[in-house]
Structure formats: structure tokens, C-alpha cells
Amino acid sequence: MSSYPLVRAWHHARMDDVFECDLQAGEDGDLWVLPRGDLDLAGAPEFEEALSLALASDATSIVVDLRGLELLDSAGLRALLAASAGEGGERISFVAGNEMVQGVLRISGLLDELPFRPA
């Protein structure tokens, strides 16, 4: 993946919690949203801002890669669902995260609601 003109990173730190979110241009006009760390109440606003930038781009599709997440809480679930259900959400797909992240999505009932794709 090459750099995208909108590449930005956000960081928040509280004790040992860290969240980052990068944007990268992929092949075929995809824009990848790469969250890393804890997508929780503290990280959700930065994630939502990154998604907003991605949705404002002319990318044909937006891929949210959940593999970098270590934690996903209800605020993170809300952000994922809001992005997928909102305006332009039809361009968004997700790459499955680790077992814990997928377990949270399964328990919440979102595993079957969100559009997943292979990495």
C-alpha cells in the first residue's frame, strides 16, 4: 500500500492505553483505515474522525482493518456500526480482528451485520 494524501495518525494515551489510526491508499482505489490499540471510549472520537476523512475522500471502497485492535468496547462497537449504517457506509467493509475482537462482535450480534472481507 502506498501513502495517501490524507495520511494522518491520532494518538491518545492514558496509563498504558494507546490508540492510533492511520489511513493508507490500497490498490484499486481502496482506502484502508488502520486502527491499532484500544478502540474504547477514549479512542472512538479519533476513529470516527479518521472514518469521516475516509468517507470524504474519493476512494471507491473503504476497508477498516480490525487486526490491529487489542480491545473493542461498546463505544468502539457504536463507532463501527455508525460508520457502516451512515451516509457512504455502503463503501465500507471490514477485515476481521483477533479472537477477542471477533468475540465482542459475535456477542453483540454485529458479526453477521457488518460486511467482512478477506485481508
N, C-alpha and C. Protein backbone atom coordinates (compact mmCIF):
# COMPACT_ATOMS: atom_id res chain seq x y z
N MET A 1 0.84 -1.18 0.00
CA MET A 1 0.00 0.00 0.00
C MET A 1 0.88 1.24 0.00
N SER A 2 0.48 2.20 -0.76
CA SER A 2 1.24 3.45 -0.84
C SER A 2 0.63 4.49 0.09
N SER A 3 1.38 5.54 0.31
CA SER A 3 0.87 6.62 1.16
C SER A 3 -0.28 7.32 0.48
N TYR A 4 -1.21 7.81 1.24
CA TYR A 4 -2.38 8.50 0.73
C TYR A 4 -2.27 9.95 1.16
N PRO A 5 -2.74 10.88 0.35
CA PRO A 5 -2.60 12.29 0.71
C PRO A 5 -3.22 12.64 2.07
N LEU A 6 -4.21 11.86 2.51
CA LEU A 6 -4.85 12.17 3.78
C LEU A 6 -4.24 11.43 4.96
N VAL A 7 -3.05 10.84 4.78
CA VAL A 7 -2.47 10.04 5.85
C VAL A 7 -2.32 10.89 7.10
N ARG A 8 -2.94 10.43 8.16
CA ARG A 8 -2.85 11.11 9.45
C ARG A 8 -2.82 10.05 10.52
N ALA A 9 -2.31 10.37 11.64
CA ALA A 9 -2.32 9.45 12.77
C ALA A 9 -2.80 10.20 13.99
N TRP A 10 -3.59 9.54 14.79
CA TRP A 10 -4.08 10.11 16.03
C TRP A 10 -3.57 9.26 17.16
N HIS A 11 -3.24 9.89 18.25
CA HIS A 11 -2.74 9.17 19.41
C HIS A 11 -3.45 9.69 20.65
N HIS A 12 -3.82 8.78 21.50
CA HIS A 12 -4.25 9.17 22.83
C HIS A 12 -3.57 8.23 23.80
N ALA A 13 -3.24 8.72 24.93
CA ALA A 13 -2.57 7.88 25.92
C ALA A 13 -3.17 8.13 27.29
N ARG A 14 -3.48 7.07 27.96
CA ARG A 14 -3.99 7.13 29.32
C ARG A 14 -3.43 5.90 30.00
N MET A 15 -2.58 6.10 30.93
CA MET A 15 -1.86 4.99 31.56
C MET A 15 -1.13 4.23 30.45
N ASP A 16 -1.47 2.96 30.22
CA ASP A 16 -0.78 2.20 29.18
C ASP A 16 -1.65 1.97 27.95
N ASP A 17 -2.81 2.64 27.86
CA ASP A 17 -3.70 2.51 26.71
C ASP A 17 -3.22 3.42 25.60
N VAL A 18 -3.14 2.90 24.39
CA VAL A 18 -2.73 3.69 23.25
C VAL A 18 -3.65 3.36 22.08
N PHE A 19 -4.05 4.38 21.35
CA PHE A 19 -4.84 4.18 20.14
C PHE A 19 -4.22 5.01 19.03
N GLU A 20 -4.08 4.41 17.86
CA GLU A 20 -3.62 5.10 16.67
C GLU A 20 -4.53 4.70 15.53
N CYS A 21 -4.69 5.58 14.57
CA CYS A 21 -5.48 5.26 13.39
C CYS A 21 -4.84 5.94 12.19
N ASP A 22 -4.42 5.13 11.23
CA ASP A 22 -3.79 5.64 10.01
C ASP A 22 -4.71 5.39 8.82
N LEU A 23 -4.53 6.19 7.79
CA LEU A 23 -5.19 5.99 6.51
C LEU A 23 -4.11 5.67 5.48
N GLN A 24 -4.35 4.63 4.67
CA GLN A 24 -3.39 4.27 3.62
C GLN A 24 -4.15 3.92 2.35
N ALA A 25 -3.62 4.38 1.24
CA ALA A 25 -4.20 4.03 -0.05
C ALA A 25 -3.80 2.61 -0.39
N GLY A 26 -4.78 1.85 -0.83
CA GLY A 26 -4.52 0.49 -1.26
C GLY A 26 -4.56 0.42 -2.78
N GLU A 27 -4.64 -0.78 -3.26
CA GLU A 27 -4.72 -1.00 -4.70
C GLU A 27 -6.17 -0.86 -5.14
N ASP A 28 -6.37 -0.57 -6.39
CA ASP A 28 -7.72 -0.49 -6.97
C ASP A 28 -8.60 0.58 -6.35
N GLY A 29 -8.00 1.66 -5.85
CA GLY A 29 -8.80 2.76 -5.31
C GLY A 29 -9.32 2.57 -3.91
N ASP A 30 -8.88 1.49 -3.23
CA ASP A 30 -9.29 1.27 -1.84
C ASP A 30 -8.57 2.25 -0.92
N LEU A 31 -9.22 2.64 0.15
CA LEU A 31 -8.59 3.40 1.22
C LEU A 31 -8.72 2.56 2.48
N TRP A 32 -7.60 2.27 3.09
CA TRP A 32 -7.57 1.42 4.27
C TRP A 32 -7.52 2.29 5.52
N VAL A 33 -8.38 1.99 6.47
CA VAL A 33 -8.40 2.62 7.79
C VAL A 33 -7.78 1.59 8.72
N LEU A 34 -6.68 1.97 9.38
CA LEU A 34 -5.88 1.03 10.17
C LEU A 34 -5.84 1.42 11.64
N PRO A 35 -6.88 1.07 12.40
CA PRO A 35 -6.86 1.36 13.83
C PRO A 35 -5.96 0.36 14.57
N ARG A 36 -5.24 0.85 15.58
CA ARG A 36 -4.38 -0.01 16.38
C ARG A 36 -4.53 0.37 17.85
N GLY A 37 -4.57 -0.65 18.68
CA GLY A 37 -4.64 -0.42 20.12
C GLY A 37 -6.04 -0.65 20.64
N ASP A 38 -6.48 0.22 21.54
CA ASP A 38 -7.76 0.07 22.22
C ASP A 38 -8.82 1.00 21.61
N LEU A 39 -9.80 0.40 20.95
CA LEU A 39 -10.92 1.19 20.42
C LEU A 39 -12.00 1.19 21.49
N ASP A 40 -11.88 2.19 22.37
CA ASP A 40 -12.76 2.31 23.52
C ASP A 40 -13.30 3.73 23.58
N LEU A 41 -13.86 4.11 24.70
CA LEU A 41 -14.45 5.44 24.85
C LEU A 41 -13.44 6.54 24.53
N ALA A 42 -12.19 6.34 24.91
CA ALA A 42 -11.17 7.36 24.65
C ALA A 42 -10.72 7.37 23.19
N GLY A 43 -10.70 6.22 22.53
CA GLY A 43 -10.23 6.14 21.15
C GLY A 43 -11.30 6.36 20.10
N ALA A 44 -12.57 6.18 20.47
CA ALA A 44 -13.66 6.26 19.49
C ALA A 44 -13.72 7.60 18.75
N PRO A 45 -13.55 8.75 19.41
CA PRO A 45 -13.61 10.01 18.66
C PRO A 45 -12.54 10.12 17.56
N GLU A 46 -11.34 9.66 17.84
CA GLU A 46 -10.28 9.70 16.84
C GLU A 46 -10.60 8.75 15.68
N PHE A 47 -11.14 7.57 16.02
CA PHE A 47 -11.54 6.61 14.98
C PHE A 47 -12.64 7.20 14.10
N GLU A 48 -13.61 7.83 14.73
CA GLU A 48 -14.72 8.44 13.99
C GLU A 48 -14.21 9.56 13.07
N GLU A 49 -13.22 10.32 13.53
CA GLU A 49 -12.65 11.38 12.70
C GLU A 49 -11.92 10.79 11.50
N ALA A 50 -11.18 9.70 11.72
CA ALA A 50 -10.49 9.04 10.60
C ALA A 50 -11.49 8.51 9.59
N LEU A 51 -12.57 7.92 10.07
CA LEU A 51 -13.60 7.41 9.16
C LEU A 51 -14.28 8.55 8.41
N SER A 52 -14.48 9.66 9.07
CA SER A 52 -15.07 10.82 8.42
C SER A 52 -14.19 11.31 7.27
N LEU A 53 -12.88 11.36 7.50
CA LEU A 53 -11.95 11.75 6.44
C LEU A 53 -11.98 10.74 5.30
N ALA A 54 -12.02 9.46 5.65
CA ALA A 54 -12.06 8.41 4.63
C ALA A 54 -13.33 8.54 3.79
N LEU A 55 -14.46 8.77 4.44
CA LEU A 55 -15.73 8.90 3.72
C LEU A 55 -15.77 10.16 2.85
N ALA A 56 -15.03 11.19 3.24
CA ALA A 56 -14.97 12.42 2.45
C ALA A 56 -14.05 12.29 1.24
N SER A 57 -13.27 11.22 1.21
CA SER A 57 -12.34 11.01 0.09
C SER A 57 -13.09 10.47 -1.12
N ASP A 58 -12.38 10.39 -2.23
CA ASP A 58 -12.99 9.82 -3.44
C ASP A 58 -12.67 8.34 -3.60
N ALA A 59 -12.27 7.68 -2.52
CA ALA A 59 -11.96 6.25 -2.56
C ALA A 59 -13.20 5.46 -2.97
N THR A 60 -13.01 4.48 -3.83
CA THR A 60 -14.14 3.67 -4.27
C THR A 60 -14.63 2.74 -3.17
N SER A 61 -13.71 2.29 -2.32
CA SER A 61 -14.10 1.49 -1.17
C SER A 61 -13.19 1.81 0.00
N ILE A 62 -13.74 1.62 1.19
CA ILE A 62 -13.03 1.89 2.43
C ILE A 62 -12.97 0.60 3.21
N VAL A 63 -11.77 0.18 3.55
CA VAL A 63 -11.56 -1.08 4.26
C VAL A 63 -11.06 -0.76 5.66
N VAL A 64 -11.82 -1.16 6.68
CA VAL A 64 -11.43 -0.97 8.07
C VAL A 64 -10.80 -2.28 8.53
N ASP A 65 -9.50 -2.26 8.76
CA ASP A 65 -8.75 -3.45 9.14
C ASP A 65 -8.68 -3.54 10.66
N LEU A 66 -9.43 -4.48 11.23
CA LEU A 66 -9.53 -4.61 12.68
C LEU A 66 -8.40 -5.43 13.29
N ARG A 67 -7.48 -5.92 12.49
CA ARG A 67 -6.42 -6.80 13.01
C ARG A 67 -5.49 -6.11 14.00
N GLY A 68 -5.40 -4.79 13.97
CA GLY A 68 -4.51 -4.08 14.89
C GLY A 68 -5.13 -3.75 16.24
N LEU A 69 -6.41 -4.06 16.40
CA LEU A 69 -7.08 -3.74 17.67
C LEU A 69 -6.74 -4.76 18.75
N GLU A 70 -6.51 -4.26 19.94
CA GLU A 70 -6.28 -5.12 21.10
C GLU A 70 -7.52 -5.19 21.98
N LEU A 71 -8.36 -4.14 21.91
CA LEU A 71 -9.56 -4.07 22.73
C LEU A 71 -10.65 -3.37 21.95
N LEU A 72 -11.87 -3.86 22.11
CA LEU A 72 -13.04 -3.24 21.48
C LEU A 72 -14.15 -3.23 22.52
N ASP A 73 -14.63 -2.03 22.88
CA ASP A 73 -15.72 -1.95 23.87
C ASP A 73 -16.97 -1.41 23.19
N SER A 74 -17.99 -1.09 23.99
CA SER A 74 -19.27 -0.66 23.43
C SER A 74 -19.15 0.65 22.64
N ALA A 75 -18.27 1.54 23.04
CA ALA A 75 -18.07 2.79 22.28
C ALA A 75 -17.47 2.47 20.91
N GLY A 76 -16.56 1.53 20.87
CA GLY A 76 -15.98 1.11 19.60
C GLY A 76 -17.01 0.41 18.72
N LEU A 77 -17.85 -0.42 19.33
CA LEU A 77 -18.93 -1.08 18.58
C LEU A 77 -19.86 -0.05 17.95
N ARG A 78 -20.22 0.96 18.73
CA ARG A 78 -21.10 2.01 18.23
C ARG A 78 -20.47 2.72 17.04
N ALA A 79 -19.17 3.00 17.13
CA ALA A 79 -18.47 3.69 16.04
C ALA A 79 -18.44 2.84 14.77
N LEU A 80 -18.21 1.54 14.91
CA LEU A 80 -18.20 0.64 13.75
C LEU A 80 -19.58 0.59 13.10
N LEU A 81 -20.59 0.44 13.92
CA LEU A 81 -21.96 0.35 13.41
C LEU A 81 -22.40 1.66 12.77
N ALA A 82 -22.10 2.78 13.41
CA ALA A 82 -22.49 4.09 12.88
C ALA A 82 -21.83 4.33 11.52
N ALA A 83 -20.58 3.93 11.38
CA ALA A 83 -19.88 4.12 10.11
C ALA A 83 -20.53 3.29 9.02
N SER A 84 -20.83 2.06 9.33
CA SER A 84 -21.40 1.16 8.33
C SER A 84 -22.83 1.55 7.95
N ALA A 85 -23.60 2.06 8.91
CA ALA A 85 -25.00 2.40 8.66
C ALA A 85 -25.19 3.83 8.16
N GLY A 86 -24.16 4.67 8.28
CA GLY A 86 -24.30 6.08 7.92
C GLY A 86 -24.15 6.33 6.43
N GLU A 87 -24.23 7.61 6.07
CA GLU A 87 -24.09 8.01 4.67
C GLU A 87 -22.72 7.58 4.13
N GLY A 88 -22.72 6.91 3.01
CA GLY A 88 -21.48 6.40 2.42
C GLY A 88 -21.06 5.06 2.99
N GLY A 89 -21.80 4.56 3.96
CA GLY A 89 -21.45 3.30 4.61
C GLY A 89 -21.41 2.10 3.70
N GLU A 90 -22.08 2.20 2.56
CA GLU A 90 -22.06 1.08 1.62
C GLU A 90 -20.67 0.86 1.03
N ARG A 91 -19.78 1.86 1.14
CA ARG A 91 -18.40 1.72 0.66
C ARG A 91 -17.50 1.04 1.68
N ILE A 92 -17.98 0.84 2.90
CA ILE A 92 -17.15 0.33 3.99
C ILE A 92 -17.27 -1.18 4.10
N SER A 93 -16.10 -1.83 4.24
CA SER A 93 -16.04 -3.25 4.60
C SER A 93 -14.99 -3.41 5.69
N PHE A 94 -15.00 -4.56 6.33
CA PHE A 94 -14.12 -4.79 7.48
C PHE A 94 -13.28 -6.04 7.27
N VAL A 95 -12.05 -6.00 7.79
CA VAL A 95 -11.20 -7.19 7.87
C VAL A 95 -11.25 -7.65 9.32
N ALA A 96 -11.50 -8.94 9.51
CA ALA A 96 -11.67 -9.50 10.86
C ALA A 96 -10.46 -9.24 11.75
N GLY A 97 -10.75 -8.99 13.02
CA GLY A 97 -9.71 -8.78 14.02
C GLY A 97 -9.33 -10.06 14.73
N ASN A 98 -8.66 -9.91 15.86
CA ASN A 98 -8.24 -11.08 16.63
C ASN A 98 -9.45 -11.76 17.26
N GLU A 99 -9.19 -12.85 17.93
CA GLU A 99 -10.27 -13.65 18.52
C GLU A 99 -11.12 -12.85 19.51
N MET A 100 -10.48 -12.00 20.31
CA MET A 100 -11.22 -11.19 21.28
C MET A 100 -12.14 -10.20 20.57
N VAL A 101 -11.64 -9.52 19.57
CA VAL A 101 -12.44 -8.55 18.82
C VAL A 101 -13.61 -9.24 18.14
N GLN A 102 -13.34 -10.36 17.49
CA GLN A 102 -14.41 -11.10 16.82
C GLN A 102 -15.42 -11.63 17.82
N GLY A 103 -14.96 -12.01 19.02
CA GLY A 103 -15.87 -12.47 20.07
C GLY A 103 -16.82 -11.36 20.52
N VAL A 104 -16.31 -10.14 20.66
CA VAL A 104 -17.15 -9.00 21.03
C VAL A 104 -18.19 -8.75 19.94
N LEU A 105 -17.76 -8.82 18.69
CA LEU A 105 -18.69 -8.62 17.58
C LEU A 105 -19.75 -9.73 17.54
N ARG A 106 -19.34 -10.96 17.82
CA ARG A 106 -20.26 -12.09 17.83
C ARG A 106 -21.30 -11.93 18.95
N ILE A 107 -20.85 -11.63 20.16
CA ILE A 107 -21.74 -11.48 21.31
C ILE A 107 -22.73 -10.33 21.11
N SER A 108 -22.26 -9.27 20.47
CA SER A 108 -23.11 -8.10 20.25
C SER A 108 -24.10 -8.31 19.09
N GLY A 109 -23.91 -9.35 18.31
CA GLY A 109 -24.77 -9.60 17.16
C GLY A 109 -24.33 -8.87 15.91
N LEU A 110 -23.21 -8.16 15.96
CA LEU A 110 -22.76 -7.39 14.80
C LEU A 110 -21.92 -8.19 13.82
N LEU A 111 -21.47 -9.36 14.23
CA LEU A 111 -20.63 -10.16 13.35
C LEU A 111 -21.35 -10.48 12.05
N ASP A 112 -22.63 -10.73 12.12
CA ASP A 112 -23.41 -11.05 10.92
C ASP A 112 -24.00 -9.81 10.25
N GLU A 113 -23.90 -8.65 10.91
CA GLU A 113 -24.47 -7.42 10.36
C GLU A 113 -23.47 -6.60 9.57
N LEU A 114 -22.19 -6.67 9.93
CA LEU A 114 -21.17 -5.87 9.27
C LEU A 114 -20.60 -6.63 8.07
N PRO A 115 -20.29 -5.93 6.98
CA PRO A 115 -19.73 -6.59 5.81
C PRO A 115 -18.23 -6.87 5.98
N PHE A 116 -17.87 -8.14 6.08
CA PHE A 116 -16.46 -8.52 6.22
C PHE A 116 -15.91 -8.99 4.88
N ARG A 117 -14.61 -8.80 4.72
CA ARG A 117 -13.90 -9.23 3.51
C ARG A 117 -12.57 -9.82 3.92
N PRO A 118 -11.96 -10.61 3.03
CA PRO A 118 -10.62 -11.13 3.35
C PRO A 118 -9.58 -10.01 3.33
N ALA A 119 -8.50 -10.24 4.04
CA ALA A 119 -7.39 -9.27 4.05
C ALA A 119 -6.74 -9.33 2.72
